[in-house]
Amino acid sequence: MTTQHDGKGGGHPGEVGAASTSGKSRRLHRPTPQQVLDTLFELAREASLAPGKQELCGRFMRAVCHLLPGRRLCLRIVDSRSLELTELFAEGDLRPGAATAPLVLKPTAAAKVRLRQRVLASPRLQVQARYEPVFEGSVEGVAIPLAVAGHLHGLLNVEYGAPTTCASTDEALLIALCNQLALALRNLSMVEQTRQLRTSLVRLVDQANALIFATDGDGRVTVFNQALARLVGVEAQDVMGADLYDWFTRQGADQMAQLVADGRRGLERSRAEVLLPGGGGTVSRATFDTTVMRTASDEVDVIVGVGHDESPIESLQRQVIQAEKLATLGQLAAGVVHELNNPLTSIIVYTDFLAKKLAREGSEAADVAKLHKVLEGAERILRVSRDLVAYARPTSDQYDLLSINEVIDQSLSFCEHILKKGKARVVRELASDLPAVYAIRGQLQQVFINLLTNACHAMKDAGGTIAVRTAAGGGGCVVVEVIDDGLGIGEADQPHIYEPFYTTKADGKGSGLGLSIVRNILEKHQGDIQFFSTPGAGTTFRIVLPCGQRPPGQL
């Protein structure tokens, strides 16, 4: 941002010398050594009081205008890295384009301040013997760089409307003033960079996933990041400045208090396991490393603790163990089902024989009906067991043309027990004459089984209704909707439902992988899934699958 100040250089009662903006000779004031010294002291004081560059440069210009009245002054402040103009102060009428023109320095001036090669190579700086006026009507002038340690912070142009003998004298005394200003600008820039760095570091620490705290040598909190504050259920600002040992002790986190106590004695800990009580009576397991920083006299100055919440890892381990148990149970169940096939086949054959025999012999119709009931039950058990074995069997990546309604019926038969347990009434609204879809049967069954299972888990205590609808969609697609009138999905949970291991179910009732797997399967099938949910009123999942379209890479 460029700030420009325009004004007129004021006269002075005791003018001497020769110069005039109108071309006529008049006396220019030459300051005394005491006046220059007073101005230097005043600028040093002003530099300590100025809150920013603009205020500092404004005070500098006022001091120079008072010290050297009748001169045309232009102060341009630049970014020390890019040399782009940031502030501009002018006493007089600038030439068109002067405000944005490159800075011009004489080779002798550039050599005196030992500008770095990067600065000299910048297109924003020109080093040449000829002086370039920046004011209208100027006949001569001098350019004084504001430089520190080879870095350029700006340029002061002093110009005259008529020939004068004051230029060399003005340049000599202004070099000291400009050096003072350059140092002040460098210090302000360093303060601003330090402030920005501190802000970045605070933000980095605050947003880090690690659990971070820091105290002074007496154990007073100086850093307590958001991750740690969330875990223990407090606001970070409420802990700042507190005695961390006493605070952890009051929270019942005795192991954490011991870490702080050890740090006060200069002891560092590595991979220390601690328990952290949190809000709502929860307790989290974490591991911490502590580091002690010391003063030059070897006293404890800072204690830093960096930890990691182990609870999510423990939760994942429990889920993996549960998944392995379920996989083992599935293998056992498949073996049991295989062993049941032969007895079930015998039951079906002999029951059918007896039913037909009793019918021929004229037995009571009620007895024949009972045998038919036994036959239907045995056939249903055999059908479900065979479908279950087929579903549990590892599937290949072979795509087949499938009837979506048939896959849904099979999935509903697998979920019959959980539907009954959830007191869910199923309403089938399956459209006829739907086109076939290319899909992997087992994976598509998994999609519907997951959605039906989630709908059952969302049922209210009194049960509810699950509607399964199929319809032909536009653009050669099949649309499947699974609709429940259960508890719905909370607004805070909705953005996360497809994230792996994210679950709102109690431990042991869900791994948090179901919907993530569903979305991955549908993406593999070139399909799409959307959901619409109202907390307390139910959820709708809508699936769109392309019809008769072979996925990429399938023959």
Protein backbone atom coordinates (compact mmCIF):
# COMPACT_ATOMS: atom_id res chain seq x y z
CA MET A 1 0.00 0.00 0.00
CA THR A 2 1.41 3.41 -0.93
CA THR A 3 0.78 6.45 1.23
CA GLN A 4 1.47 9.90 -0.19
CA HIS A 5 1.80 13.15 1.70
CA ASP A 6 1.99 16.39 -0.29
CA GLY A 7 2.81 19.78 1.15
CA LYS A 8 4.83 22.91 0.67
CA GLY A 9 8.24 23.52 2.18
CA GLY A 10 7.96 26.43 4.58
CA GLY A 11 10.28 29.45 4.68
CA HIS A 12 12.61 30.34 7.53
CA PRO A 13 13.35 33.81 9.00
CA GLY A 14 17.15 33.41 8.92
CA GLU A 15 17.68 32.23 5.34
CA VAL A 16 21.19 32.32 3.78
CA GLY A 17 22.61 30.79 0.60
CA ALA A 18 21.08 31.02 -2.88
CA ALA A 19 18.16 29.22 -4.57
CA SER A 20 14.64 29.98 -5.74
CA THR A 21 11.78 27.89 -7.10
CA SER A 22 10.97 30.80 -9.44
CA GLY A 23 14.51 30.99 -10.78
CA LYS A 24 15.30 34.24 -8.87
CA SER A 25 18.09 34.15 -6.35
CA ARG A 26 17.13 33.97 -2.68
CA ARG A 27 18.89 32.87 0.46
CA LEU A 28 18.47 29.26 1.74
CA HIS A 29 18.78 28.54 5.42
CA ARG A 30 21.78 26.47 6.47
CA PRO A 31 21.33 24.75 9.83
CA THR A 32 23.88 25.06 12.56
CA PRO A 33 25.69 21.95 13.91
CA GLN A 34 23.62 22.23 17.11
CA GLN A 35 20.39 22.21 15.09
CA VAL A 36 21.54 19.07 13.23
CA LEU A 37 22.47 17.40 16.53
CA ASP A 38 19.12 18.33 18.07
CA THR A 39 17.31 16.90 15.04
CA LEU A 40 19.27 13.65 15.33
CA PHE A 41 18.32 13.28 19.00
CA GLU A 42 14.72 14.16 18.21
CA LEU A 43 14.55 11.54 15.43
CA ALA A 44 16.01 8.92 17.75
CA ARG A 45 13.32 9.70 20.30
CA GLU A 46 10.59 9.77 17.63
CA ALA A 47 11.76 6.40 16.26
CA SER A 48 11.19 4.81 19.67
CA LEU A 49 7.67 6.26 19.86
CA ALA A 50 6.44 5.75 16.29
CA PRO A 51 4.02 2.78 16.06
CA GLY A 52 4.68 2.12 12.36
CA LYS A 53 6.52 3.09 9.20
CA GLN A 54 4.00 5.67 8.06
CA GLU A 55 4.06 7.56 11.36
CA LEU A 56 7.87 7.30 11.59
CA CYS A 57 8.39 8.66 8.05
CA GLY A 58 5.88 11.46 8.63
CA ARG A 59 7.82 12.61 11.70
CA PHE A 60 11.10 12.35 9.75
CA MET A 61 9.73 14.55 6.94
CA ARG A 62 8.47 17.17 9.39
CA ALA A 63 11.89 17.30 11.08
CA VAL A 64 13.80 17.63 7.79
CA CYS A 65 11.38 20.28 6.47
CA HIS A 66 11.95 22.29 9.65
CA LEU A 67 15.72 21.80 9.44
CA LEU A 68 16.02 22.54 5.69
CA PRO A 69 13.18 24.87 4.66
CA GLY A 70 12.77 25.80 1.01
CA ARG A 71 13.95 22.43 -0.35
CA ARG A 72 11.81 20.03 -2.33
CA LEU A 73 11.77 16.72 -0.50
CA CYS A 74 10.53 13.30 -1.68
CA LEU A 75 10.81 10.26 0.58
CA ARG A 76 10.06 6.87 -0.98
CA ILE A 77 9.94 3.77 1.26
CA VAL A 78 10.23 0.36 -0.39
CA ASP A 79 9.95 -3.29 0.59
CA SER A 80 13.55 -4.34 1.27
CA ARG A 81 13.10 -7.64 -0.60
CA SER A 82 11.18 -6.61 -3.72
CA LEU A 83 12.00 -2.85 -3.73
CA GLU A 84 8.32 -2.22 -4.48
CA LEU A 85 7.04 1.14 -3.23
CA THR A 86 5.12 0.99 0.07
CA GLU A 87 4.95 4.65 1.24
CA LEU A 88 5.63 8.00 -0.42
CA PHE A 89 5.95 11.48 1.14
CA ALA A 90 6.49 14.54 -1.05
CA GLU A 91 6.95 18.27 -0.43
CA GLY A 92 6.23 19.71 -3.89
CA ASP A 93 4.67 18.79 -7.25
CA LEU A 94 5.96 15.45 -8.55
CA ARG A 95 6.58 14.76 -12.20
CA PRO A 96 4.11 12.40 -13.90
CA GLY A 97 5.11 8.79 -13.22
CA ALA A 98 7.74 9.73 -10.64
CA ALA A 99 5.89 7.94 -7.86
CA THR A 100 6.18 4.55 -9.59
CA ALA A 101 9.47 5.06 -11.44
CA PRO A 102 12.55 3.02 -10.44
CA LEU A 103 14.85 4.44 -7.77
CA VAL A 104 17.91 6.17 -9.24
CA LEU A 105 21.26 6.27 -7.41
CA LYS A 106 24.68 7.52 -8.42
CA PRO A 107 27.43 4.86 -8.45
CA THR A 108 29.29 6.63 -5.62
CA ALA A 109 26.20 6.59 -3.39
CA ALA A 110 25.54 2.90 -4.13
CA ALA A 111 29.17 2.05 -3.38
CA LYS A 112 29.19 3.91 -0.05
CA VAL A 113 26.30 1.86 1.39
CA ARG A 114 27.62 -1.41 -0.11
CA LEU A 115 24.34 -2.58 -1.59
CA ARG A 116 24.08 -6.32 -2.11
CA GLN A 117 24.29 -7.77 -5.60
CA ARG A 118 20.65 -8.87 -5.45
CA VAL A 119 19.60 -5.27 -4.77
CA LEU A 120 21.81 -3.86 -7.53
CA ALA A 121 20.36 -6.39 -10.01
CA SER A 122 16.75 -5.41 -9.26
CA PRO A 123 14.82 -3.71 -12.10
CA ARG A 124 13.42 -1.37 -9.44
CA LEU A 125 16.88 0.26 -9.03
CA GLN A 126 18.96 2.15 -11.59
CA VAL A 127 22.60 3.10 -10.87
CA GLN A 128 23.75 5.92 -13.16
CA ALA A 129 25.87 9.08 -13.05
CA ARG A 130 23.11 11.42 -14.25
CA TYR A 131 20.63 12.62 -11.63
CA GLU A 132 16.90 12.13 -12.45
CA PRO A 133 14.65 14.88 -10.95
CA VAL A 134 11.35 13.76 -9.45
CA PHE A 135 9.79 17.25 -9.06
CA GLU A 136 8.49 19.62 -11.73
CA GLY A 137 10.88 22.52 -12.40
CA SER A 138 13.88 21.16 -10.46
CA VAL A 139 17.30 21.98 -11.90
CA GLU A 140 19.47 19.83 -9.64
CA GLY A 141 19.27 17.56 -6.62
CA VAL A 142 20.77 14.72 -4.63
CA ALA A 143 19.51 11.19 -3.85
CA ILE A 144 20.40 9.67 -0.48
CA PRO A 145 19.80 5.93 0.04
CA LEU A 146 18.24 4.54 3.21
CA ALA A 147 20.34 1.41 3.55
CA VAL A 148 21.42 -0.95 6.34
CA ALA A 149 23.71 -3.97 5.93
CA GLY A 150 23.41 -3.86 2.16
CA HIS A 151 19.59 -3.80 2.16
CA LEU A 152 17.77 -0.82 0.65
CA HIS A 153 14.75 0.49 2.56
CA GLY A 154 14.09 3.65 0.59
CA LEU A 155 15.41 6.84 -0.99
CA LEU A 156 15.32 10.53 -0.06
CA ASN A 157 15.43 13.02 -2.96
CA VAL A 158 16.34 16.65 -2.16
CA GLU A 159 15.89 19.02 -5.11
CA TYR A 160 16.28 22.74 -5.87
CA GLY A 161 14.49 25.04 -8.30
CA ALA A 162 17.64 27.04 -9.09
CA PRO A 163 21.41 26.47 -8.98
CA THR A 164 22.72 26.40 -5.41
CA THR A 165 25.86 25.76 -3.42
CA CYS A 166 23.89 24.03 -0.66
CA ALA A 167 23.53 20.60 -2.32
CA SER A 168 26.79 19.08 -1.08
CA THR A 169 26.31 20.53 2.41
CA ASP A 170 22.72 19.26 2.57
CA GLU A 171 23.78 15.80 1.39
CA ALA A 172 26.48 15.53 4.07
CA LEU A 173 24.17 16.31 6.98
CA LEU A 174 21.23 14.32 5.55
CA ILE A 175 23.32 11.14 5.29
CA ALA A 176 23.41 10.96 9.10
CA LEU A 177 19.67 11.58 9.34
CA CYS A 178 18.90 9.00 6.63
CA ASN A 179 21.09 6.42 8.35
CA GLN A 180 19.09 7.03 11.52
CA LEU A 181 15.83 6.55 9.61
CA ALA A 182 17.14 3.44 7.83
CA LEU A 183 18.04 1.82 11.16
CA ALA A 184 14.62 2.65 12.56
CA LEU A 185 12.92 1.21 9.44
CA ARG A 186 15.03 -1.94 9.66
CA ASN A 187 14.09 -2.33 13.33
CA LEU A 188 10.40 -1.84 12.60
CA SER A 189 10.64 -4.39 9.79
CA MET A 190 12.34 -6.90 12.10
CA VAL A 191 9.72 -6.32 14.77
CA GLU A 192 6.96 -6.92 12.21
CA GLN A 193 8.68 -10.06 10.90
CA THR A 194 9.12 -11.31 14.46
CA ARG A 195 5.47 -10.62 15.17
CA GLN A 196 4.40 -12.48 12.01
CA LEU A 197 6.71 -15.38 12.83
CA ARG A 198 5.36 -15.57 16.37
CA THR A 199 1.78 -15.51 15.06
CA SER A 200 2.60 -18.28 12.57
CA LEU A 201 4.27 -20.39 15.25
CA VAL A 202 1.36 -19.88 17.65
CA ARG A 203 -1.09 -20.87 14.92
CA LEU A 204 1.05 -23.87 13.97
CA VAL A 205 1.27 -25.09 17.57
CA ASP A 206 -2.40 -24.36 18.21
CA GLN A 207 -3.60 -26.24 15.13
CA ALA A 208 -1.20 -29.19 15.48
CA ASN A 209 -2.70 -32.63 16.06
CA ALA A 210 -0.12 -33.28 18.76
CA LEU A 211 -0.85 -32.45 22.40
CA ILE A 212 1.47 -29.55 23.31
CA PHE A 213 2.02 -27.55 26.48
CA ALA A 214 4.81 -25.26 27.68
CA THR A 215 5.51 -23.60 31.02
CA ASP A 216 8.10 -21.24 32.44
CA GLY A 217 10.62 -22.43 35.01
CA ASP A 218 8.04 -22.07 37.78
CA GLY A 219 5.51 -24.23 35.96
CA ARG A 220 3.23 -21.37 34.83
CA VAL A 221 1.44 -22.18 31.57
CA THR A 222 2.63 -20.26 28.50
CA VAL A 223 1.34 -22.66 25.80
CA PHE A 224 -1.69 -24.96 25.95
CA ASN A 225 -2.75 -25.89 22.42
CA GLN A 226 -6.26 -26.62 21.18
CA ALA A 227 -5.75 -30.38 20.76
CA LEU A 228 -4.81 -30.74 24.43
CA ALA A 229 -7.58 -28.36 25.53
CA ARG A 230 -10.21 -30.37 23.60
CA LEU A 231 -8.97 -33.63 25.04
CA VAL A 232 -9.24 -32.47 28.66
CA GLY A 233 -12.48 -30.55 27.99
CA VAL A 234 -11.45 -26.96 28.78
CA GLU A 235 -10.87 -23.65 27.00
CA ALA A 236 -7.16 -23.01 26.42
CA GLN A 237 -7.35 -19.39 27.62
CA ASP A 238 -8.70 -20.58 30.99
CA VAL A 239 -5.45 -22.45 31.66
CA MET A 240 -2.98 -19.77 30.53
CA GLY A 241 -0.84 -18.47 33.39
CA ALA A 242 -2.00 -21.16 35.82
CA ASP A 243 0.36 -23.34 37.85
CA LEU A 244 0.20 -26.46 35.66
CA TYR A 245 1.20 -28.84 38.46
CA ASP A 246 -1.66 -27.63 40.67
CA TRP A 247 -4.08 -27.52 37.72
CA PHE A 248 -3.38 -31.11 36.65
CA THR A 249 -3.62 -32.23 40.27
CA ARG A 250 -7.07 -30.63 40.63
CA GLN A 251 -8.15 -32.35 37.38
CA GLY A 252 -7.12 -35.74 38.73
CA ALA A 253 -4.30 -36.06 36.18
CA ASP A 254 -1.64 -37.00 38.72
CA GLN A 255 0.68 -38.55 36.12
CA MET A 256 0.69 -35.32 34.08
CA ALA A 257 1.31 -33.33 37.26
CA GLN A 258 4.33 -35.56 37.93
CA LEU A 259 5.72 -34.74 34.46
CA VAL A 260 5.58 -31.02 35.28
CA ALA A 261 7.15 -31.61 38.71
CA ASP A 262 9.99 -33.58 37.09
CA GLY A 263 10.49 -30.76 34.57
CA ARG A 264 10.86 -28.21 37.38
CA ARG A 265 13.70 -30.34 38.75
CA GLY A 266 15.30 -30.45 35.30
CA LEU A 267 14.31 -34.06 34.55
CA GLU A 268 13.18 -34.96 31.03
CA ARG A 269 10.81 -37.84 30.25
CA SER A 270 10.49 -39.94 27.09
CA ARG A 271 7.38 -41.89 26.01
CA ALA A 272 5.75 -41.46 29.39
CA GLU A 273 2.30 -43.06 29.46
CA VAL A 274 -0.35 -40.98 31.22
CA LEU A 275 -4.10 -40.93 31.73
CA LEU A 276 -5.92 -37.67 30.98
CA PRO A 277 -9.42 -37.18 32.47
CA GLY A 278 -11.66 -35.32 30.04
CA GLY A 279 -15.13 -33.85 29.92
CA GLY A 280 -18.11 -36.08 30.64
CA GLY A 281 -16.12 -38.50 32.79
CA THR A 282 -14.02 -39.80 29.89
CA VAL A 283 -10.39 -40.84 30.35
CA SER A 284 -7.89 -40.83 27.49
CA ARG A 285 -4.56 -42.59 27.33
CA ALA A 286 -1.64 -40.55 25.96
CA THR A 287 2.13 -40.67 25.71
CA PHE A 288 4.29 -37.58 26.37
CA ASP A 289 7.89 -36.50 25.82
CA THR A 290 9.12 -33.55 27.87
CA THR A 291 12.09 -31.28 27.17
CA VAL A 292 13.73 -28.82 29.55
CA MET A 293 15.39 -25.62 28.27
CA ARG A 294 17.88 -23.91 30.55
CA THR A 295 19.24 -20.40 31.05
CA ALA A 296 22.91 -19.44 30.74
CA SER A 297 23.23 -20.08 34.49
CA ASP A 298 21.84 -23.64 34.01
CA GLU A 299 18.49 -22.88 35.67
CA VAL A 300 15.25 -24.33 34.28
CA ASP A 301 13.77 -21.71 31.93
CA VAL A 302 11.12 -23.52 29.85
CA ILE A 303 9.42 -26.91 30.12
CA VAL A 304 7.89 -28.25 26.89
CA GLY A 305 5.68 -31.31 26.63
CA VAL A 306 4.61 -32.94 23.34
CA GLY A 307 2.18 -35.84 23.47
CA HIS A 308 0.01 -38.09 21.37
CA ASP A 309 -3.50 -39.31 22.11
CA GLU A 310 -3.39 -43.11 22.03
CA SER A 311 -7.17 -43.56 22.32
CA PRO A 312 -7.91 -43.55 18.55
CA ILE A 313 -5.19 -46.16 18.00
CA GLU A 314 -6.64 -48.33 20.76
CA SER A 315 -10.08 -47.93 19.20
CA LEU A 316 -8.71 -49.01 15.80
CA GLN A 317 -7.03 -52.00 17.41
CA ARG A 318 -10.33 -53.03 19.01
CA GLN A 319 -12.08 -52.66 15.65
CA VAL A 320 -9.45 -54.75 13.88
CA ILE A 321 -9.78 -57.46 16.53
CA GLN A 322 -13.56 -57.34 16.17
CA ALA A 323 -13.27 -57.53 12.38
CA GLU A 324 -10.97 -60.56 12.70
CA LYS A 325 -13.45 -62.19 15.09
CA LEU A 326 -16.27 -61.59 12.62
CA ALA A 327 -14.19 -62.94 9.74
CA THR A 328 -13.40 -66.09 11.74
CA LEU A 329 -17.04 -66.42 12.74
CA GLY A 330 -18.04 -66.07 9.10
CA GLN A 331 -15.70 -68.87 8.09
CA LEU A 332 -17.07 -71.08 10.88
CA ALA A 333 -20.64 -70.24 9.87
CA ALA A 334 -19.89 -71.09 6.24
CA GLY A 335 -18.52 -74.45 7.35
CA VAL A 336 -21.58 -75.10 9.53
CA VAL A 337 -23.91 -74.18 6.66
CA HIS A 338 -22.04 -76.55 4.37
CA GLU A 339 -22.50 -79.35 6.92
CA LEU A 340 -26.23 -78.53 7.16
CA ASN A 341 -26.80 -78.89 3.42
CA ASN A 342 -26.93 -82.70 3.42
CA PRO A 343 -29.34 -83.06 6.40
CA LEU A 344 -31.51 -80.27 5.00
CA THR A 345 -31.62 -81.97 1.62
CA SER A 346 -32.72 -85.21 3.32
CA ILE A 347 -35.40 -83.39 5.33
CA ILE A 348 -36.76 -81.77 2.17
CA VAL A 349 -36.81 -85.03 0.18
CA TYR A 350 -38.43 -87.15 2.92
CA THR A 351 -40.92 -84.43 3.92
CA ASP A 352 -41.99 -84.07 0.31
CA PHE A 353 -42.36 -87.87 0.07
CA LEU A 354 -44.45 -88.06 3.26
CA ALA A 355 -46.66 -85.15 2.22
CA LYS A 356 -47.44 -86.78 -1.11
CA LYS A 357 -48.02 -90.19 0.53
CA LEU A 358 -50.43 -88.81 3.14
CA ALA A 359 -52.30 -86.92 0.42
CA ARG A 360 -52.70 -90.14 -1.60
CA GLU A 361 -53.87 -92.08 1.46
CA GLY A 362 -56.53 -89.49 2.23
CA SER A 363 -55.06 -88.29 5.52
CA GLU A 364 -56.42 -85.20 7.18
CA ALA A 365 -55.75 -82.02 5.25
CA ALA A 366 -54.37 -80.33 8.39
CA ASP A 367 -51.64 -82.97 8.72
CA VAL A 368 -50.70 -82.60 5.03
CA ALA A 369 -50.59 -78.80 5.45
CA LYS A 370 -48.27 -79.16 8.42
CA LEU A 371 -45.88 -81.27 6.39
CA HIS A 372 -45.93 -78.62 3.65
CA LYS A 373 -45.04 -76.01 6.28
CA VAL A 374 -42.07 -78.14 7.33
CA LEU A 375 -41.08 -78.48 3.66
CA GLU A 376 -41.31 -74.73 3.02
CA GLY A 377 -39.25 -73.97 6.14
CA ALA A 378 -36.54 -76.46 5.21
CA GLU A 379 -36.38 -75.16 1.63
CA ARG A 380 -36.10 -71.58 2.92
CA ILE A 381 -33.28 -72.55 5.30
CA LEU A 382 -31.45 -74.28 2.46
CA ARG A 383 -31.91 -71.30 0.11
CA VAL A 384 -30.73 -68.74 2.68
CA SER A 385 -27.76 -70.91 3.73
CA ARG A 386 -26.63 -71.34 0.12
CA ASP A 387 -26.98 -67.58 -0.53
CA LEU A 388 -25.05 -66.87 2.67
CA VAL A 389 -22.21 -69.17 1.62
CA ALA A 390 -22.18 -67.53 -1.81
CA TYR A 391 -22.00 -64.09 -0.22
CA ALA A 392 -19.28 -65.09 2.25
CA ARG A 393 -17.17 -66.72 -0.46
CA PRO A 394 -14.35 -64.42 -1.69
CA THR A 395 -15.60 -62.69 -4.82
CA SER A 396 -13.67 -62.07 -7.98
CA ASP A 397 -13.70 -58.80 -9.85
CA GLN A 398 -15.86 -60.34 -12.55
CA TYR A 399 -18.70 -58.07 -13.66
CA ASP A 400 -21.99 -59.66 -14.72
CA LEU A 401 -25.29 -58.36 -16.05
CA LEU A 402 -27.51 -58.36 -12.95
CA SER A 403 -31.12 -57.61 -12.10
CA ILE A 404 -31.02 -54.89 -9.45
CA ASN A 405 -34.33 -56.11 -7.97
CA GLU A 406 -32.96 -59.63 -7.58
CA VAL A 407 -29.85 -58.37 -5.77
CA ILE A 408 -32.05 -56.30 -3.43
CA ASP A 409 -34.28 -59.32 -2.66
CA GLN A 410 -31.21 -61.39 -1.79
CA SER A 411 -29.86 -58.62 0.42
CA LEU A 412 -33.19 -58.33 2.25
CA SER A 413 -33.18 -62.07 2.91
CA PHE A 414 -29.72 -61.79 4.47
CA CYS A 415 -30.94 -58.94 6.70
CA GLU A 416 -34.18 -60.59 7.78
CA HIS A 417 -33.00 -61.27 11.32
CA ILE A 418 -31.64 -57.77 11.93
CA LEU A 419 -34.78 -56.25 10.38
CA LYS A 420 -36.92 -58.25 12.77
CA LYS A 421 -34.70 -57.34 15.72
CA GLY A 422 -34.98 -53.64 14.86
CA LYS A 423 -38.80 -53.90 14.58
CA ALA A 424 -38.49 -52.56 11.05
CA ARG A 425 -41.30 -53.01 8.55
CA VAL A 426 -39.96 -53.26 5.01
CA VAL A 427 -41.90 -51.76 2.12
CA ARG A 428 -40.77 -52.91 -1.33
CA GLU A 429 -41.46 -50.52 -4.18
CA LEU A 430 -39.50 -52.22 -6.93
CA ALA A 431 -40.18 -51.11 -10.48
CA SER A 432 -40.60 -53.84 -13.09
CA ASP A 433 -38.78 -54.10 -16.42
CA LEU A 434 -35.68 -52.32 -15.18
CA PRO A 435 -32.63 -52.63 -17.43
CA ALA A 436 -29.77 -54.80 -16.17
CA VAL A 437 -26.61 -53.32 -14.69
CA TYR A 438 -23.03 -54.50 -14.98
CA ALA A 439 -21.83 -55.18 -11.43
CA ILE A 440 -20.04 -57.56 -9.09
CA ARG A 441 -22.86 -59.35 -7.30
CA GLY A 442 -21.16 -59.76 -3.93
CA GLN A 443 -20.07 -56.13 -3.79
CA LEU A 444 -23.49 -54.81 -4.76
CA GLN A 445 -25.05 -57.01 -2.08
CA GLN A 446 -22.62 -55.52 0.43
CA VAL A 447 -23.82 -52.02 -0.52
CA PHE A 448 -27.46 -52.82 0.19
CA ILE A 449 -26.75 -54.91 3.30
CA ASN A 450 -24.76 -52.01 4.79
CA LEU A 451 -27.51 -49.50 4.02
CA LEU A 452 -30.25 -51.77 5.40
CA THR A 453 -28.21 -52.49 8.53
CA ASN A 454 -27.63 -48.77 9.13
CA ALA A 455 -31.34 -48.09 8.64
CA CYS A 456 -32.17 -50.76 11.26
CA HIS A 457 -29.70 -49.27 13.73
CA ALA A 458 -31.33 -45.86 13.19
CA MET A 459 -34.78 -47.15 14.18
CA LYS A 460 -36.49 -45.67 17.21
CA ASP A 461 -37.33 -47.92 20.16
CA ALA A 462 -40.81 -48.55 18.78
CA GLY A 463 -39.42 -49.58 15.40
CA GLY A 464 -40.30 -47.98 12.10
CA THR A 465 -40.52 -48.38 8.36
CA ILE A 466 -37.79 -48.92 5.76
CA ALA A 467 -38.80 -48.34 2.16
CA VAL A 468 -36.70 -49.75 -0.67
CA ARG A 469 -37.49 -48.24 -4.06
CA THR A 470 -36.11 -48.82 -7.53
CA ALA A 471 -36.83 -46.79 -10.64
CA ALA A 472 -35.43 -46.06 -14.07
CA GLY A 473 -33.46 -42.82 -14.03
CA GLY A 474 -32.63 -40.44 -16.80
CA GLY A 475 -29.63 -41.03 -19.04
CA GLY A 476 -29.81 -44.82 -18.90
CA CYS A 477 -29.45 -45.24 -15.15
CA VAL A 478 -31.13 -47.21 -12.37
CA VAL A 479 -32.00 -45.36 -9.16
CA VAL A 480 -32.26 -47.16 -5.80
CA GLU A 481 -33.47 -45.43 -2.64
CA VAL A 482 -33.30 -46.79 0.91
CA ILE A 483 -35.54 -44.63 3.11
CA ASP A 484 -36.04 -44.90 6.86
CA ASP A 485 -38.07 -42.87 9.35
CA GLY A 486 -35.55 -43.34 12.16
CA LEU A 487 -33.48 -40.95 14.22
CA GLY A 488 -31.69 -39.32 11.28
CA ILE A 489 -28.09 -38.11 11.15
CA GLY A 490 -27.00 -35.20 13.33
CA GLU A 491 -25.94 -32.05 11.49
CA ALA A 492 -22.47 -32.18 13.05
CA ASP A 493 -22.01 -35.79 11.85
CA GLN A 494 -23.28 -35.35 8.28
CA PRO A 495 -20.02 -33.99 6.79
CA HIS A 496 -18.09 -37.00 8.16
CA ILE A 497 -20.27 -40.06 7.46
CA TYR A 498 -18.10 -41.30 4.56
CA GLU A 499 -14.84 -40.93 6.51
CA PRO A 500 -13.17 -44.27 7.39
CA PHE A 501 -13.61 -45.31 11.03
CA TYR A 502 -16.01 -42.43 11.76
CA THR A 503 -18.99 -43.84 13.65
CA THR A 504 -21.66 -42.59 16.04
CA LYS A 505 -22.51 -46.11 17.18
CA ALA A 506 -21.49 -47.57 20.52
CA ASP A 507 -18.32 -49.66 20.74
CA GLY A 508 -18.80 -53.09 19.20
CA LYS A 509 -21.79 -52.03 17.08
CA GLY A 510 -19.93 -50.44 14.19
CA SER A 511 -16.44 -50.03 12.82
CA GLY A 512 -17.14 -46.81 10.94
CA LEU A 513 -16.14 -48.46 7.66
CA GLY A 514 -19.58 -49.34 6.25
CA LEU A 515 -20.40 -46.16 4.33
CA SER A 516 -16.78 -45.64 3.31
CA ILE A 517 -16.82 -49.10 1.71
CA VAL A 518 -20.21 -48.40 0.12
CA ARG A 519 -18.96 -45.25 -1.57
CA ASN A 520 -15.77 -46.96 -2.77
CA ILE A 521 -17.76 -49.83 -4.29
CA LEU A 522 -20.12 -47.44 -6.08
CA GLU A 523 -17.23 -45.35 -7.42
CA LYS A 524 -15.69 -48.57 -8.74
CA HIS A 525 -19.01 -49.29 -10.51
CA GLN A 526 -19.12 -45.75 -11.98
CA GLY A 527 -22.08 -45.03 -9.72
CA ASP A 528 -22.98 -42.30 -7.25
CA ILE A 529 -24.48 -42.05 -3.76
CA GLN A 530 -26.22 -39.14 -2.04
CA PHE A 531 -28.06 -38.80 1.24
CA PHE A 532 -30.70 -36.52 2.70
CA SER A 533 -31.30 -36.54 6.43
CA THR A 534 -33.38 -34.64 8.95
CA PRO A 535 -32.40 -35.25 12.59
CA GLY A 536 -35.29 -36.99 14.32
CA ALA A 537 -37.20 -37.60 11.08
CA GLY A 538 -35.18 -40.14 9.10
CA THR A 539 -32.68 -40.54 6.28
CA THR A 540 -32.77 -41.27 2.55
CA PHE A 541 -29.83 -42.78 0.67
CA ARG A 542 -30.07 -42.54 -3.13
CA ILE A 543 -27.88 -44.68 -5.37
CA VAL A 544 -27.50 -44.17 -9.12
CA LEU A 545 -25.96 -46.96 -11.25
CA PRO A 546 -25.35 -46.91 -15.02
CA CYS A 547 -27.27 -49.52 -17.04
CA GLY A 548 -25.66 -51.92 -19.49
CA GLN A 549 -22.36 -50.07 -19.31
CA ARG A 550 -19.18 -52.04 -18.85
CA PRO A 551 -16.80 -50.38 -16.40
CA PRO A 552 -13.42 -49.28 -17.80
CA GLY A 553 -11.01 -52.19 -18.31
CA GLN A 554 -13.79 -54.84 -18.46
CA LEU A 555 -14.26 -56.95 -21.58
